[in-house]
Amino acid sequence: MESMKLVAMDRDDIEVISTHVQDSVVRVADIMWHPEDKRLVVALNRFDWEAAGCSDCNQRRLSALRFDRVLTCKCREVSPKKKDEVLNLLAVEFAETTSPSGIVTLHFSGGGALRLEVECLECELADLGPTWTTVNRPSHPDDTTQLRG
């Protein structure tokens, strides 16, 4: 599979990127906030859902998720001091405030989140290298519950 490069400039675009980064593994040390450049870069090991068509096709890719025009970056239950902590990225969302500005939220398992206030949405997801095989395939419990009467 070829390397991926996607750009997001609106809510629909960020939903596509969110789908591709779901279940990515991120070390806290690989979250780089550069306030002077108004940029946040997250290096992540992305699960390659496009290649996951069979049970033996589980792969990860080193990728970068970059946000530009970031005014603030706030953390909830993510400590910058815990550099070796590993996070599981669940989703990326964008909520427009006063057009074109808004809030980008990166949601991690366990309730952690990064909240970015942005001038406008400018995001890029780019694969940086080859894939490697993994024995672990992310799974999500069924969201439906059965009612018992």
C-alpha atoms as a PDB file:
ATOM      1  CA  MET A   1       0.000   0.000   0.000  1.00  0.00           C
ATOM      2  CA  GLU A   2       1.278   3.452  -0.862  1.00  0.00           C
ATOM      3  CA  SER A   3       1.971   6.133   1.699  1.00  0.00           C
ATOM      4  CA  MET A   4      -0.984   8.314   2.596  1.00  0.00           C
ATOM      5  CA  LYS A   5      -1.098  12.097   2.663  1.00  0.00           C
ATOM      6  CA  LEU A   6      -4.378  13.824   3.548  1.00  0.00           C
ATOM      7  CA  VAL A   7      -5.257  17.452   4.239  1.00  0.00           C
ATOM      8  CA  ALA A   8      -8.219  18.683   6.289  1.00  0.00           C
ATOM      9  CA  MET A   9      -9.679  22.156   5.921  1.00  0.00           C
ATOM     10  CA  ASP A  10     -13.231  21.533   7.213  1.00  0.00           C
ATOM     11  CA  ARG A  11     -15.282  19.233   9.441  1.00  0.00           C
ATOM     12  CA  ASP A  12     -15.886  16.639   6.699  1.00  0.00           C
ATOM     13  CA  ASP A  13     -12.157  16.435   5.969  1.00  0.00           C
ATOM     14  CA  ILE A  14     -11.241  16.013   9.643  1.00  0.00           C
ATOM     15  CA  GLU A  15     -13.736  13.152   9.951  1.00  0.00           C
ATOM     16  CA  VAL A  16     -11.843  11.309   7.190  1.00  0.00           C
ATOM     17  CA  ILE A  17      -8.537  11.894   8.965  1.00  0.00           C
ATOM     18  CA  SER A  18     -10.106  10.819  12.269  1.00  0.00           C
ATOM     19  CA  THR A  19     -11.111   7.511  10.694  1.00  0.00           C
ATOM     20  CA  HIS A  20      -7.556   6.889   9.508  1.00  0.00           C
ATOM     21  CA  VAL A  21      -5.918   7.722  12.857  1.00  0.00           C
ATOM     22  CA  GLN A  22      -8.390   5.782  15.001  1.00  0.00           C
ATOM     23  CA  ASP A  23      -6.482   3.366  17.240  1.00  0.00           C
ATOM     24  CA  SER A  24      -3.131   5.052  16.655  1.00  0.00           C
ATOM     25  CA  VAL A  25      -0.563   4.631  19.399  1.00  0.00           C
ATOM     26  CA  VAL A  26       1.097   7.854  20.595  1.00  0.00           C
ATOM     27  CA  ARG A  27       3.896   8.386  23.118  1.00  0.00           C
ATOM     28  CA  VAL A  28       3.499  11.616  25.093  1.00  0.00           C
ATOM     29  CA  ALA A  29       7.100  12.495  24.143  1.00  0.00           C
ATOM     30  CA  ASP A  30       5.990  12.443  20.488  1.00  0.00           C
ATOM     31  CA  ILE A  31       3.459  15.238  20.957  1.00  0.00           C
ATOM     32  CA  MET A  32       5.291  18.411  19.984  1.00  0.00           C
ATOM     33  CA  TRP A  33       3.677  21.788  20.668  1.00  0.00           C
ATOM     34  CA  HIS A  34       5.446  24.775  19.048  1.00  0.00           C
ATOM     35  CA  PRO A  35       3.559  27.897  20.201  1.00  0.00           C
ATOM     36  CA  GLU A  36       5.960  30.249  18.412  1.00  0.00           C
ATOM     37  CA  ASP A  37       5.069  28.565  15.097  1.00  0.00           C
ATOM     38  CA  LYS A  38       1.403  28.032  16.033  1.00  0.00           C
ATOM     39  CA  ARG A  39       1.876  24.331  15.285  1.00  0.00           C
ATOM     40  CA  LEU A  40       1.190  20.994  16.952  1.00  0.00           C
ATOM     41  CA  VAL A  41       2.777  17.837  15.532  1.00  0.00           C
ATOM     42  CA  VAL A  42       1.953  14.348  16.747  1.00  0.00           C
ATOM     43  CA  ALA A  43       4.088  11.391  15.659  1.00  0.00           C
ATOM     44  CA  LEU A  44       1.977   8.259  15.816  1.00  0.00           C
ATOM     45  CA  ASN A  45       1.972   4.584  14.972  1.00  0.00           C
ATOM     46  CA  ARG A  46      -1.156   4.419  12.850  1.00  0.00           C
ATOM     47  CA  PHE A  47      -3.041   1.143  12.462  1.00  0.00           C
ATOM     48  CA  ASP A  48      -3.399   0.654   8.699  1.00  0.00           C
ATOM     49  CA  TRP A  49      -7.144   0.028   8.413  1.00  0.00           C
ATOM     50  CA  GLU A  50      -6.944   0.086   4.585  1.00  0.00           C
ATOM     51  CA  ALA A  51      -4.736  -3.024   4.605  1.00  0.00           C
ATOM     52  CA  ALA A  52      -6.712  -4.789   7.336  1.00  0.00           C
ATOM     53  CA  GLY A  53      -8.978  -6.753   5.013  1.00  0.00           C
ATOM     54  CA  CYS A  54      -7.938 -10.115   6.429  1.00  0.00           C
ATOM     55  CA  SER A  55      -7.007 -11.404   9.882  1.00  0.00           C
ATOM     56  CA  ASP A  56      -3.317 -11.769   8.894  1.00  0.00           C
ATOM     57  CA  CYS A  57      -3.021  -8.244   7.417  1.00  0.00           C
ATOM     58  CA  ASN A  58      -2.484  -6.258  10.597  1.00  0.00           C
ATOM     59  CA  GLN A  59       0.002  -3.458   9.973  1.00  0.00           C
ATOM     60  CA  ARG A  60       1.079  -0.191  11.532  1.00  0.00           C
ATOM     61  CA  ARG A  61       2.734   2.833   9.919  1.00  0.00           C
ATOM     62  CA  LEU A  62       4.767   5.678  11.343  1.00  0.00           C
ATOM     63  CA  SER A  63       2.764   8.815  10.529  1.00  0.00           C
ATOM     64  CA  ALA A  64       2.623  12.479  11.472  1.00  0.00           C
ATOM     65  CA  LEU A  65      -0.497  14.465  12.281  1.00  0.00           C
ATOM     66  CA  ARG A  66       0.127  18.214  11.991  1.00  0.00           C
ATOM     67  CA  PHE A  67      -2.085  21.138  12.944  1.00  0.00           C
ATOM     68  CA  ASP A  68      -1.209  24.699  11.905  1.00  0.00           C
ATOM     69  CA  ARG A  69      -2.598  28.050  13.088  1.00  0.00           C
ATOM     70  CA  VAL A  70      -2.961  26.729  16.635  1.00  0.00           C
ATOM     71  CA  LEU A  71      -3.467  29.473  19.214  1.00  0.00           C
ATOM     72  CA  THR A  72      -3.581  27.335  22.368  1.00  0.00           C
ATOM     73  CA  CYS A  73      -3.027  23.706  23.326  1.00  0.00           C
ATOM     74  CA  LYS A  74      -4.556  22.390  26.543  1.00  0.00           C
ATOM     75  CA  CYS A  75      -4.315  18.901  28.036  1.00  0.00           C
ATOM     76  CA  ARG A  76      -6.806  16.884  30.038  1.00  0.00           C
ATOM     77  CA  GLU A  77      -5.447  13.759  31.740  1.00  0.00           C
ATOM     78  CA  VAL A  78      -2.347  13.893  29.527  1.00  0.00           C
ATOM     79  CA  SER A  79       0.758  14.921  31.467  1.00  0.00           C
ATOM     80  CA  PRO A  80       3.636  16.402  29.446  1.00  0.00           C
ATOM     81  CA  LYS A  81       5.930  15.233  32.262  1.00  0.00           C
ATOM     82  CA  LYS A  82       5.077  11.558  31.637  1.00  0.00           C
ATOM     83  CA  LYS A  83       7.106  11.335  28.412  1.00  0.00           C
ATOM     84  CA  ASP A  84       7.034   7.527  28.194  1.00  0.00           C
ATOM     85  CA  GLU A  85       3.277   7.208  28.696  1.00  0.00           C
ATOM     86  CA  VAL A  86       1.543   5.608  25.707  1.00  0.00           C
ATOM     87  CA  LEU A  87      -1.835   6.910  24.560  1.00  0.00           C
ATOM     88  CA  ASN A  88      -4.441   5.360  22.286  1.00  0.00           C
ATOM     89  CA  LEU A  89      -5.959   7.940  19.933  1.00  0.00           C
ATOM     90  CA  LEU A  90      -9.681   7.327  19.477  1.00  0.00           C
ATOM     91  CA  ALA A  91     -10.899  10.296  17.424  1.00  0.00           C
ATOM     92  CA  VAL A  92     -10.224  13.830  16.211  1.00  0.00           C
ATOM     93  CA  GLU A  93     -13.090  16.344  16.168  1.00  0.00           C
ATOM     94  CA  PHE A  94     -13.527  19.929  14.987  1.00  0.00           C
ATOM     95  CA  ALA A  95     -16.170  22.324  16.305  1.00  0.00           C
ATOM     96  CA  GLU A  96     -16.381  25.700  14.627  1.00  0.00           C
ATOM     97  CA  THR A  97     -16.763  28.687  16.941  1.00  0.00           C
ATOM     98  CA  THR A  98     -16.639  31.971  15.008  1.00  0.00           C
ATOM     99  CA  SER A  99     -15.962  31.078  11.369  1.00  0.00           C
ATOM    100  CA  PRO A 100     -13.336  30.052  10.420  1.00  0.00           C
ATOM    101  CA  SER A 101     -11.910  29.537  13.924  1.00  0.00           C
ATOM    102  CA  GLY A 102     -12.783  26.650  16.173  1.00  0.00           C
ATOM    103  CA  ILE A 103     -11.743  23.923  18.584  1.00  0.00           C
ATOM    104  CA  VAL A 104      -9.969  20.710  17.583  1.00  0.00           C
ATOM    105  CA  THR A 105     -10.113  17.908  20.153  1.00  0.00           C
ATOM    106  CA  LEU A 106      -7.963  14.798  20.061  1.00  0.00           C
ATOM    107  CA  HIS A 107      -9.663  12.143  22.215  1.00  0.00           C
ATOM    108  CA  PHE A 108      -7.623   9.380  23.846  1.00  0.00           C
ATOM    109  CA  SER A 109      -8.779   6.255  25.646  1.00  0.00           C
ATOM    110  CA  GLY A 110      -9.129   6.663  29.397  1.00  0.00           C
ATOM    111  CA  GLY A 111     -10.566  10.178  29.075  1.00  0.00           C
ATOM    112  CA  GLY A 112      -7.417  12.000  27.998  1.00  0.00           C
ATOM    113  CA  ALA A 113      -7.692  14.806  25.463  1.00  0.00           C
ATOM    114  CA  LEU A 114      -5.821  17.595  23.748  1.00  0.00           C
ATOM    115  CA  ARG A 115      -7.878  20.720  23.044  1.00  0.00           C
ATOM    116  CA  LEU A 116      -6.560  23.040  20.354  1.00  0.00           C
ATOM    117  CA  GLU A 117      -7.963  26.499  19.739  1.00  0.00           C
ATOM    118  CA  VAL A 118      -7.309  27.209  16.048  1.00  0.00           C
ATOM    119  CA  GLU A 119      -7.572  30.305  13.847  1.00  0.00           C
ATOM    120  CA  CYS A 120      -8.910  27.978  11.170  1.00  0.00           C
ATOM    121  CA  LEU A 121      -8.662  24.249  10.498  1.00  0.00           C
ATOM    122  CA  GLU A 122      -5.399  23.326   8.787  1.00  0.00           C
ATOM    123  CA  CYS A 123      -4.446  19.704   9.368  1.00  0.00           C
ATOM    124  CA  GLU A 124      -2.285  17.196   7.530  1.00  0.00           C
ATOM    125  CA  LEU A 125      -1.844  13.458   8.016  1.00  0.00           C
ATOM    126  CA  ALA A 126       1.224  12.004   6.300  1.00  0.00           C
ATOM    127  CA  ASP A 127       2.793   8.552   6.419  1.00  0.00           C
ATOM    128  CA  LEU A 128       6.521   8.768   7.051  1.00  0.00           C
ATOM    129  CA  GLY A 129       7.822   5.297   6.400  1.00  0.00           C
ATOM    130  CA  PRO A 130       7.179   1.641   5.651  1.00  0.00           C
ATOM    131  CA  THR A 131       4.693  -0.618   7.391  1.00  0.00           C
ATOM    132  CA  TRP A 132       5.413  -3.336   9.921  1.00  0.00           C
ATOM    133  CA  THR A 133       3.314  -6.309  10.917  1.00  0.00           C
ATOM    134  CA  THR A 134       1.608  -6.409  14.290  1.00  0.00           C
ATOM    135  CA  VAL A 135      -0.156  -9.316  15.967  1.00  0.00           C
ATOM    136  CA  ASN A 136      -2.576  -6.959  17.698  1.00  0.00           C
ATOM    137  CA  ARG A 137      -5.643  -5.795  15.830  1.00  0.00           C
ATOM    138  CA  PRO A 138      -7.657  -3.058  17.574  1.00  0.00           C
ATOM    139  CA  SER A 139     -11.155  -4.115  18.516  1.00  0.00           C
ATOM    140  CA  HIS A 140     -14.067  -2.212  19.934  1.00  0.00           C
ATOM    141  CA  PRO A 141     -16.825  -3.722  22.033  1.00  0.00           C
ATOM    142  CA  ASP A 142     -20.235  -3.783  20.439  1.00  0.00           C
ATOM    143  CA  ASP A 143     -22.017  -0.533  21.290  1.00  0.00           C
ATOM    144  CA  THR A 144     -25.439  -2.170  21.271  1.00  0.00           C
ATOM    145  CA  THR A 145     -26.805  -3.516  24.500  1.00  0.00           C
ATOM    146  CA  GLN A 146     -29.613  -5.965  24.873  1.00  0.00           C
ATOM    147  CA  LEU A 147     -32.516  -4.994  27.086  1.00  0.00           C
ATOM    148  CA  ARG A 148     -33.736  -7.694  29.385  1.00  0.00           C
ATOM    149  CA  GLY A 149     -37.287  -7.514  30.549  1.00  0.00           C
END
